[in-house]
Protein backbone atom coordinates (compact mmCIF):
# COMPACT_ATOMS: atom_id res chain seq x y z
CA GLY A 1 34.94 -0.18 -9.11
CA LEU A 2 33.63 -4.54 -9.57
CA THR A 3 37.33 -5.33 -11.30
CA CYS A 4 39.39 -3.23 -8.86
CA ALA A 5 41.99 -5.29 -6.71
CA GLY A 6 40.67 -6.17 -2.88
CA ALA A 7 38.80 -8.75 -0.57
CA VAL A 8 35.28 -8.68 -1.33
CA PRO A 9 33.51 -10.12 1.44
CA ALA A 10 31.78 -13.41 1.32
CA GLN A 11 27.88 -11.79 1.47
CA THR A 12 29.18 -9.57 -1.59
CA VAL A 13 28.53 -11.83 -4.82
CA THR A 14 29.39 -9.49 -7.81
CA VAL A 15 28.09 -9.54 -11.37
CA GLY A 16 29.48 -8.08 -14.74
CA PRO A 17 29.56 -8.77 -18.51
CA ALA A 18 31.97 -11.36 -19.71
CA GLY A 19 35.66 -10.71 -19.03
CA SER A 20 35.40 -8.35 -16.47
CA GLY A 21 36.25 -10.23 -13.73
CA ALA A 22 33.13 -10.56 -11.26
CA MET A 23 32.23 -13.55 -9.80
CA PHE A 24 29.30 -14.69 -12.53
CA THR A 25 27.95 -13.13 -15.59
CA SER A 26 24.07 -14.47 -15.09
CA ILE A 27 22.28 -11.83 -12.67
CA GLN A 28 20.27 -14.75 -11.40
CA ASP A 29 23.36 -17.14 -11.03
CA GLY A 30 24.58 -13.87 -8.81
CA ILE A 31 20.96 -13.93 -6.97
CA ASP A 32 21.18 -18.12 -6.59
CA ALA A 33 24.47 -17.59 -4.96
CA ALA A 34 24.02 -14.70 -2.45
CA PRO A 35 23.78 -15.39 1.30
CA PRO A 36 20.50 -14.66 2.75
CA GLY A 37 20.80 -10.85 3.75
CA GLY A 38 23.60 -10.84 1.12
CA VAL A 39 24.26 -8.17 -1.60
CA VAL A 40 24.68 -8.54 -5.70
CA LEU A 41 26.67 -5.68 -7.35
CA VAL A 42 25.33 -5.84 -11.13
CA ALA A 43 28.26 -3.82 -13.44
CA ALA A 44 27.07 -1.50 -16.16
CA GLY A 45 26.39 -4.13 -19.02
CA GLY A 46 23.03 -5.72 -20.97
CA TYR A 47 21.98 -9.07 -19.57
CA SER A 48 19.68 -10.86 -21.84
CA GLU A 49 18.43 -14.35 -20.36
CA ALA A 50 15.55 -16.65 -21.20
CA ARG A 51 14.29 -16.42 -17.33
CA THR A 52 12.86 -14.54 -14.58
CA LEU A 53 14.98 -13.00 -11.81
CA THR A 54 13.86 -14.16 -8.13
CA ILE A 55 13.98 -13.35 -5.30
CA ASP A 56 12.68 -15.32 -2.38
CA LYS A 57 15.02 -14.44 0.46
CA ALA A 58 16.23 -10.79 2.24
CA LEU A 59 18.65 -9.83 -0.57
CA THR A 60 20.10 -6.43 -2.09
CA VAL A 61 20.48 -5.33 -5.84
CA LEU A 62 22.31 -3.06 -6.88
CA GLY A 63 23.13 -1.98 -10.21
CA ALA A 64 24.83 0.86 -11.81
CA GLY A 65 22.30 2.35 -12.21
CA SER A 66 18.89 2.49 -15.22
CA GLY A 67 20.28 4.09 -17.48
CA VAL A 68 23.30 1.63 -18.18
CA THR A 69 23.02 -2.03 -16.78
CA HIS A 70 20.02 -3.37 -18.62
CA TYR A 71 18.12 -7.38 -18.33
CA ALA A 72 15.76 -8.53 -20.74
CA ALA A 73 13.94 -11.27 -20.11
CA THR A 74 13.67 -13.55 -23.78
CA THR A 75 10.79 -15.81 -24.35
CA GLY A 76 12.99 -18.72 -25.00
CA GLY A 77 12.21 -19.30 -28.84
CA THR A 78 8.22 -20.12 -26.85
CA GLY A 79 6.61 -16.89 -27.99
CA VAL A 80 5.10 -16.12 -24.62
CA ALA A 81 6.28 -13.09 -22.86
CA ARG A 82 8.57 -13.41 -19.92
CA LEU A 83 8.64 -11.39 -16.19
CA PRO A 84 11.78 -9.76 -15.93
CA LEU A 85 11.70 -9.29 -12.03
CA VAL A 86 9.39 -11.28 -9.74
CA ILE A 87 10.33 -11.00 -5.39
CA GLU A 88 7.61 -13.20 -4.09
CA ASP A 89 7.37 -15.11 -0.27
CA LEU A 90 9.43 -12.76 1.90
CA GLN A 91 8.77 -13.41 5.77
CA ALA A 92 8.10 -10.07 8.13
CA SER A 93 12.36 -10.32 8.76
CA ASP A 94 13.56 -10.41 5.26
CA ALA A 95 13.75 -7.44 3.45
CA VAL A 96 14.67 -6.91 -0.42
CA LEU A 97 16.39 -4.21 -1.73
CA VAL A 98 16.32 -4.07 -6.45
CA ALA A 99 17.47 -0.20 -6.89
CA GLY A 100 18.98 0.60 -10.84
CA LEU A 101 18.31 -1.49 -13.36
CA ARG A 102 16.07 -1.41 -16.64
CA LEU A 103 13.91 -4.23 -17.09
CA HIS A 104 12.41 -5.48 -20.38
CA SER A 105 9.95 -8.62 -21.39
CA VAL A 106 11.24 -9.16 -25.22
CA LEU A 107 8.69 -9.94 -27.64
CA PRO A 108 8.90 -10.58 -31.36
CA GLN A 109 6.94 -7.72 -31.69
CA GLY A 110 9.07 -5.68 -29.18
CA PHE A 111 9.38 -5.05 -26.11
CA ALA A 112 6.04 -5.90 -23.88
CA PRO A 113 5.09 -3.14 -20.76
CA GLN A 114 5.70 -5.56 -18.04
CA ALA A 115 8.46 -5.38 -15.69
CA PHE A 116 8.15 -7.20 -11.99
CA VAL A 117 5.48 -8.05 -9.83
CA VAL A 118 5.94 -8.80 -5.62
CA ARG A 119 3.74 -10.75 -4.22
CA ASN A 120 3.54 -12.47 -1.06
CA CYS A 121 5.82 -10.34 0.59
CA ALA A 122 5.38 -10.06 4.91
CA GLY A 123 8.61 -8.00 4.84
CA PRO A 124 9.69 -4.74 3.43
CA VAL A 125 10.72 -4.51 -0.54
CA VAL A 126 12.45 -1.56 -2.07
CA LEU A 127 12.37 -0.57 -5.42
CA ALA A 128 14.47 2.46 -6.60
CA ASP A 129 15.16 3.90 -9.55
CA LEU A 130 13.80 1.03 -11.71
CA ARG A 131 12.79 1.76 -15.24
CA ALA A 132 10.45 -0.18 -17.77
CA ALA A 133 8.34 1.07 -21.09
CA GLY A 134 6.68 -1.16 -23.62
CA SER A 135 4.35 -1.29 -26.33
CA VAL A 136 0.55 -3.33 -26.10
CA ARG A 137 0.73 -5.36 -29.64
CA PHE A 138 -2.06 -8.55 -29.05
CA THR A 139 -1.15 -9.68 -25.73
CA PRO A 140 -2.81 -8.06 -22.25
CA PHE A 141 -1.29 -7.25 -19.62
CA ASP A 142 -2.46 -5.73 -16.48
CA ALA A 143 0.18 -2.95 -15.48
CA VAL A 144 4.26 -2.74 -15.37
CA GLY A 145 4.14 -3.48 -12.29
CA ILE A 146 2.01 -5.26 -10.15
CA VAL A 147 1.99 -5.47 -6.53
CA ARG A 148 -0.21 -8.26 -4.68
CA ASP A 149 -0.40 -9.12 -0.93
CA ALA A 150 2.57 -7.41 0.26
CA ALA A 151 2.71 -5.40 3.43
CA MET A 152 5.01 -2.33 2.56
CA VAL A 153 6.28 -1.45 -0.87
CA THR A 154 7.97 1.52 -1.18
CA LEU A 155 8.89 2.55 -5.54
CA ASP A 156 11.52 5.24 -5.44
CA ARG A 157 12.42 7.08 -8.58
CA CYS A 158 10.73 4.50 -10.92
CA TRP A 159 9.79 4.88 -14.52
CA LEU A 160 6.66 3.03 -15.75
CA LEU A 161 4.99 3.91 -19.06
CA THR A 162 3.26 1.78 -21.51
CA GLU A 163 2.62 3.44 -25.25
CA SER A 164 0.71 2.27 -27.88
CA GLY A 165 0.09 3.13 -31.80
CA PRO A 166 -1.98 2.99 -34.52
CA GLY A 167 -3.19 -0.34 -35.74
CA ILE A 168 -2.30 -2.93 -32.44
CA GLY A 169 -4.36 -4.08 -30.26
CA VAL A 170 -6.28 -6.58 -31.79
CA GLY A 171 -8.32 -8.64 -29.93
CA LEU A 172 -7.50 -6.77 -26.42
CA THR A 173 -10.37 -6.20 -23.76
CA THR A 174 -8.67 -4.39 -21.12
CA LEU A 175 -5.27 -2.11 -20.73
CA THR A 176 -2.34 -1.64 -18.88
CA SER A 177 -1.93 0.38 -16.23
CA ALA A 178 1.39 1.54 -14.95
CA LEU A 179 0.96 -0.10 -11.48
CA LEU A 180 -1.25 -2.15 -10.00
CA VAL A 181 -1.72 -2.73 -6.31
CA GLU A 182 -4.38 -5.82 -4.55
CA ARG A 183 -3.84 -6.20 -1.22
CA SER A 184 -0.86 -4.36 0.01
CA LEU A 185 0.72 -0.89 1.24
CA VAL A 186 3.01 1.10 -1.52
CA HIS A 187 4.76 4.08 -1.50
CA VAL A 188 5.35 6.07 -3.99
CA GLN A 189 8.24 8.59 -3.99
CA GLN A 190 9.49 10.67 -6.79
CA CYS A 191 7.92 8.33 -9.70
CA ARG A 192 6.35 8.71 -13.20
CA MET A 193 3.55 6.54 -14.54
CA VAL A 194 1.88 6.45 -17.31
CA GLY A 195 -1.28 4.09 -18.08
CA ILE A 196 -1.60 2.88 -21.51
CA THR A 197 -3.53 4.76 -24.70
CA ALA A 198 -6.94 3.20 -26.23
CA PRO A 199 -5.50 0.84 -29.73
CA PHE A 200 -7.48 1.68 -32.57
CA PHE A 201 -8.49 -1.82 -34.15
CA VAL A 202 -9.97 -4.03 -30.76
CA ALA A 203 -13.14 -5.31 -30.58
CA GLY A 204 -14.78 -2.99 -28.83
CA PRO A 205 -15.00 0.08 -27.32
CA ILE A 206 -11.41 0.26 -24.46
CA ASP A 207 -10.99 3.59 -21.97
CA GLY A 208 -7.40 4.79 -21.08
CA ALA A 209 -5.93 2.75 -18.38
CA PRO A 210 -5.43 4.24 -14.89
CA GLY A 211 -1.83 5.25 -14.19
CA ILE A 212 -2.09 3.33 -11.27
CA ARG A 213 -5.13 1.02 -10.26
CA ALA A 214 -5.41 0.39 -6.38
CA VAL A 215 -7.56 -2.71 -5.62
CA ASP A 216 -7.92 -2.97 -1.64
CA ALA A 217 -4.84 -1.58 -0.94
CA THR A 218 -3.26 1.64 0.42
CA VAL A 219 -1.32 4.13 -1.93
CA ARG A 220 0.28 6.83 -0.98
CA VAL A 221 2.23 9.16 -3.82
CA ALA A 222 4.13 12.20 -3.40
CA ARG A 223 6.61 14.04 -5.99
CA SER A 224 5.37 11.60 -8.41
CA GLN A 225 3.83 12.36 -11.95
CA VAL A 226 1.20 9.81 -12.37
CA PHE A 227 -0.86 10.36 -16.05
CA GLY A 228 -4.02 8.16 -17.00
CA GLY A 229 -3.98 6.94 -20.66
CA HIS A 230 -6.16 8.67 -23.59
CA GLY A 231 -9.29 7.24 -24.95
CA MET A 232 -9.17 5.88 -28.45
CA GLU A 233 -8.97 9.04 -31.25
CA THR A 234 -8.72 9.28 -35.03
CA TYR A 235 -5.90 8.58 -36.56
CA GLY A 236 -5.76 9.51 -40.75
CA PHE A 237 -8.88 7.45 -42.36
CA VAL A 238 -9.06 5.31 -39.04
CA VAL A 239 -12.00 6.93 -37.29
CA PRO A 240 -14.04 5.22 -34.22
CA ALA A 241 -17.49 4.28 -34.32
CA VAL A 242 -17.21 4.81 -30.51
CA GLN A 243 -17.36 6.71 -27.61
CA THR A 244 -14.34 6.33 -24.88
CA ALA A 245 -13.39 7.74 -21.44
CA GLY A 246 -9.68 8.90 -20.76
CA GLY A 247 -8.39 6.82 -17.88
CA ALA A 248 -7.89 8.44 -14.17
CA ALA A 249 -4.61 9.02 -12.72
CA ILE A 250 -5.98 7.05 -9.94
CA ALA A 251 -8.45 4.42 -9.61
CA ALA A 252 -9.35 3.25 -6.50
CA THR A 253 -11.40 0.24 -5.55
CA GLY A 254 -11.95 -0.11 -1.82
CA SER A 255 -8.51 1.49 -0.82
CA ALA A 256 -7.18 4.74 0.61
CA VAL A 257 -5.22 6.93 -1.86
CA LEU A 258 -2.58 9.58 0.46
CA ALA A 259 -1.63 12.15 -2.43
CA ARG A 260 1.23 14.57 -1.46
CA GLY A 261 3.30 17.69 -3.18
CA GLY A 262 6.05 18.40 -3.39
CA PRO A 263 7.90 19.81 -6.17
CA GLU A 264 7.51 17.88 -9.49
CA ASN A 265 3.95 16.57 -8.16
CA GLU A 266 1.05 15.86 -11.15
CA LEU A 267 -2.22 13.92 -11.17
CA ARG A 268 -3.40 14.39 -14.71
CA GLY A 269 -6.23 12.25 -16.11
CA GLY A 270 -6.14 10.74 -19.73
CA ARG A 271 -8.06 12.84 -22.29
CA GLY A 272 -11.37 11.18 -23.43
CA GLY A 273 -11.68 9.69 -26.60
CA ASN A 274 -13.40 11.48 -30.18
CA GLY A 275 -15.38 9.43 -33.44
CA LEU A 276 -17.86 9.42 -35.16
CA LEU A 277 -21.02 7.78 -35.69
CA GLY A 278 -23.77 8.45 -38.66
CA GLY A 279 -22.34 11.36 -39.14
CA VAL A 280 -22.32 12.28 -35.52
CA PRO A 281 -20.00 13.25 -33.26
CA LEU A 282 -18.43 11.27 -30.50
CA SER A 283 -16.81 12.76 -27.59
CA GLY A 284 -15.81 11.28 -24.68
CA PRO A 285 -15.00 12.39 -21.13
CA GLY A 286 -12.04 13.25 -19.74
CA GLY A 287 -9.84 11.14 -16.85
CA ALA A 288 -10.42 12.48 -13.17
CA ALA A 289 -6.85 13.00 -11.70
CA VAL A 290 -7.88 10.76 -9.04
CA LEU A 291 -11.59 8.66 -9.51
CA VAL A 292 -12.67 7.06 -5.83
CA ASP A 293 -15.50 4.34 -5.35
CA ALA A 294 -17.54 4.65 -2.99
CA THR A 295 -15.47 2.29 -0.50
CA SER A 296 -12.54 4.16 -1.33
CA LEU A 297 -11.26 7.05 0.94
CA VAL A 298 -8.83 9.55 -0.71
CA VAL A 299 -6.63 12.43 1.13
CA THR A 300 -4.89 15.04 -0.24
CA THR A 301 -2.89 18.30 0.30
CA PRO A 302 -2.76 21.32 -0.84
CA ASP A 303 -0.20 21.51 -3.15
CA VAL A 304 -1.20 18.66 -5.29
CA VAL A 305 -1.22 18.97 -8.88
CA ALA A 306 -4.63 17.18 -9.35
CA VAL A 307 -6.30 17.74 -13.01
CA ALA A 308 -8.89 15.87 -14.87
CA GLY A 309 -8.27 15.00 -18.58
CA PRO A 310 -10.53 16.97 -21.34
CA ASP A 311 -12.90 15.48 -23.02
CA GLY A 312 -12.87 14.30 -26.06
CA ASP A 313 -13.79 17.90 -27.81
CA GLN A 314 -11.11 19.60 -25.64
CA GLN A 315 -13.86 20.62 -22.70
CA THR A 316 -12.58 19.59 -19.02
CA ASN A 317 -15.91 18.91 -17.70
CA THR A 318 -14.68 15.63 -15.46
CA PRO A 319 -14.03 16.57 -11.88
CA ALA A 320 -10.45 16.11 -10.41
CA ILE A 321 -11.30 14.06 -7.44
CA ASP A 322 -14.12 12.01 -8.66
CA GLY A 323 -16.86 9.19 -7.90
CA PRO A 324 -18.81 8.75 -4.94
CA GLY A 325 -16.28 8.24 -2.03
CA LEU A 326 -15.00 10.65 -0.11
CA HIS A 327 -12.74 13.21 -0.38
CA ALA A 328 -10.79 14.46 2.52
CA PRO A 329 -8.40 17.48 1.13
CA LEU A 330 -5.79 18.64 4.20
CA ALA A 331 -5.61 22.48 4.86
CA PHE A 332 -1.77 21.97 5.04
CA PRO A 333 1.60 20.27 2.89
CA LEU A 334 2.89 17.29 4.74
CA ALA A 335 6.67 16.99 4.20
CA THR A 336 8.39 14.92 1.53
CA ILE A 337 11.99 14.29 0.65
CA ALA A 338 13.90 13.81 -2.18
CA VAL A 339 17.32 12.18 -2.98
CA ALA A 340 19.44 14.83 -5.28
CA SER A 341 21.57 12.04 -6.56
CA SER A 342 21.45 8.67 -6.61
CA LEU A 343 24.69 7.27 -6.08
CA VAL A 344 27.38 9.01 -4.06
CA ALA A 345 30.74 8.04 -3.51
CA PRO A 346 32.40 8.01 -0.30
CA GLY A 347 33.23 11.68 1.64
CA ALA A 348 31.20 13.46 -1.13
CA THR A 349 27.80 14.72 0.42
CA ALA A 350 24.75 13.77 -0.22
CA ASP A 351 21.66 16.34 -0.45
CA PHE A 352 17.99 15.34 0.62
CA ALA A 353 15.76 18.10 -1.10
CA LEU A 354 12.89 18.80 2.04
CA ALA A 355 9.58 20.45 0.62
CA GLY A 356 6.19 21.02 3.26
CA GLU A 357 4.79 23.51 5.32
CA PRO A 358 6.34 26.71 4.69
CA GLY A 359 8.75 28.10 7.67
CA ALA A 360 8.36 24.55 9.42
CA MET A 361 11.11 23.51 10.98
CA CYS A 362 12.17 19.62 9.81
CA LEU A 363 14.33 17.25 12.01
CA PRO A 364 15.51 14.43 9.27
CA LEU A 365 16.41 11.34 11.20
CA LEU A 366 18.43 8.38 9.24
CA ALA A 367 18.00 4.92 10.03
CA LEU A 368 20.47 2.46 9.63
CA THR A 369 18.72 -0.47 10.97
CA GLN A 370 15.57 -2.40 10.84
CA SER A 371 13.43 -3.91 13.00
CA ASN A 372 9.77 -4.72 14.11
CA ARG A 373 7.37 -1.24 13.59
CA PHE A 374 7.00 0.70 15.72
CA ALA A 375 4.33 3.99 15.87
CA VAL A 376 5.57 7.73 15.29
CA PRO A 377 3.09 9.67 16.76
CA GLY A 378 1.50 12.37 14.42
CA ALA A 379 3.04 10.37 11.45
CA LEU A 380 1.53 8.38 8.67
CA ALA A 381 3.18 6.29 8.64
CA LEU A 382 4.80 2.87 10.57
CA PRO A 383 8.39 2.66 10.02
CA THR A 384 10.81 -0.73 9.94
CA VAL A 385 13.55 0.42 11.66
CA GLY A 386 14.75 0.17 14.67
CA PRO A 387 14.80 3.05 17.72
CA ALA A 388 18.84 2.64 18.28
CA GLY A 389 19.70 2.92 15.08
CA ILE A 390 18.31 6.46 14.40
CA VAL A 391 20.88 9.15 14.02
CA PRO A 392 19.23 12.25 14.01
CA LEU A 393 20.61 15.40 11.16
CA ALA A 394 21.17 18.12 11.69
CA PRO A 395 17.38 20.41 12.20
CA VAL A 396 16.26 22.24 8.97
CA GLY A 397 14.30 25.21 8.94
CA LEU A 398 12.18 25.31 5.41
CA ASP A 399 12.32 28.65 3.77
CA ALA A 400 8.90 30.75 2.92
CA GLY A 401 8.50 29.11 0.02
CA GLY A 402 8.58 25.58 1.77
CA THR A 403 11.30 23.90 0.83
CA GLY A 404 14.90 23.16 2.55
CA ALA A 405 17.76 21.01 2.14
CA ALA A 406 19.97 18.34 4.58
CA PRO A 407 23.64 17.41 3.40
CA LEU A 408 24.69 14.19 4.61
CA ALA A 409 28.53 13.40 4.73
CA VAL A 410 28.73 9.88 3.15
């Protein structure tokens, strides 16, 4: 669509491969050229630069979809991994949306498991349909995605995956989580996140990494699959002489976690490691679905699938919700909503899948504008939408299974 004839609004910048007719061939050049509040449209294709995509103003960056639009941040010959995306220093009135990209951090050994950092943002940030996957070799990384000191960040339909294999991880002392949240509010919606499994050749025993680590933060998860990494395991003739644990799906320190259900949700801890010391088998404990320290709270709805990982000897002895923190189970499911398709052409109909309490009536609201936050009675959120810009859709009655759909003409 970027090559179609027609006027392009001054606030819209196009990026595409050479010969596409787009205004720029570099995504960062397009970001720099777009005015605050503008839109950067990125056509399908592969983009590779020795720099980090950096956004520090209100902006919308739309790729053609994570399956067809790729950005690789190369080392530039330095051998040091470079972050693909950084969003930072937003004012409260600034809003950023980045959607439809696959992000890679390229190292000589392959793809590094780091994708983005959101930091020091007072305004809302939405990351939708972003994908990143990589392997840990010799360099430690805190997480695939990191959110620090941000007022509100939403991850929608994002895949953040890590993986390891035999013979790697030399010198590592920490392992990579899928998402690290510090001093921030983060919504995780329709995502898949996997913490890394402990490799073998390391300086000492390392447990599997959590899928999500929350530190002094608030994390709300719905319709998502979050998995902890496994502990060290035997591989061929290599038998670890240590006892290691599986990682929790969510590990909370000084944090509040709200885990909602909805279709395709699952919080699963990693499997405990196994080893051998002096002929005696070693079996590490499995990871919890949610691990809360004494200063943390986890709230779960009854439709949440929360499963602890098995021990190294395949026995399950870890509670699904573990740790000295407070667990508050709700007696009823909370409503969740999901977009059935990421891009819908004008004139078509978008379907929003609803789930909640069986027999409930839902009144979907479409927000067309943003303004200062206001509280909605009964809602566990502070939306950043203006009351004048809310459009009510047709009421939807949920069936006996607690599901329904809201069509929206585009």
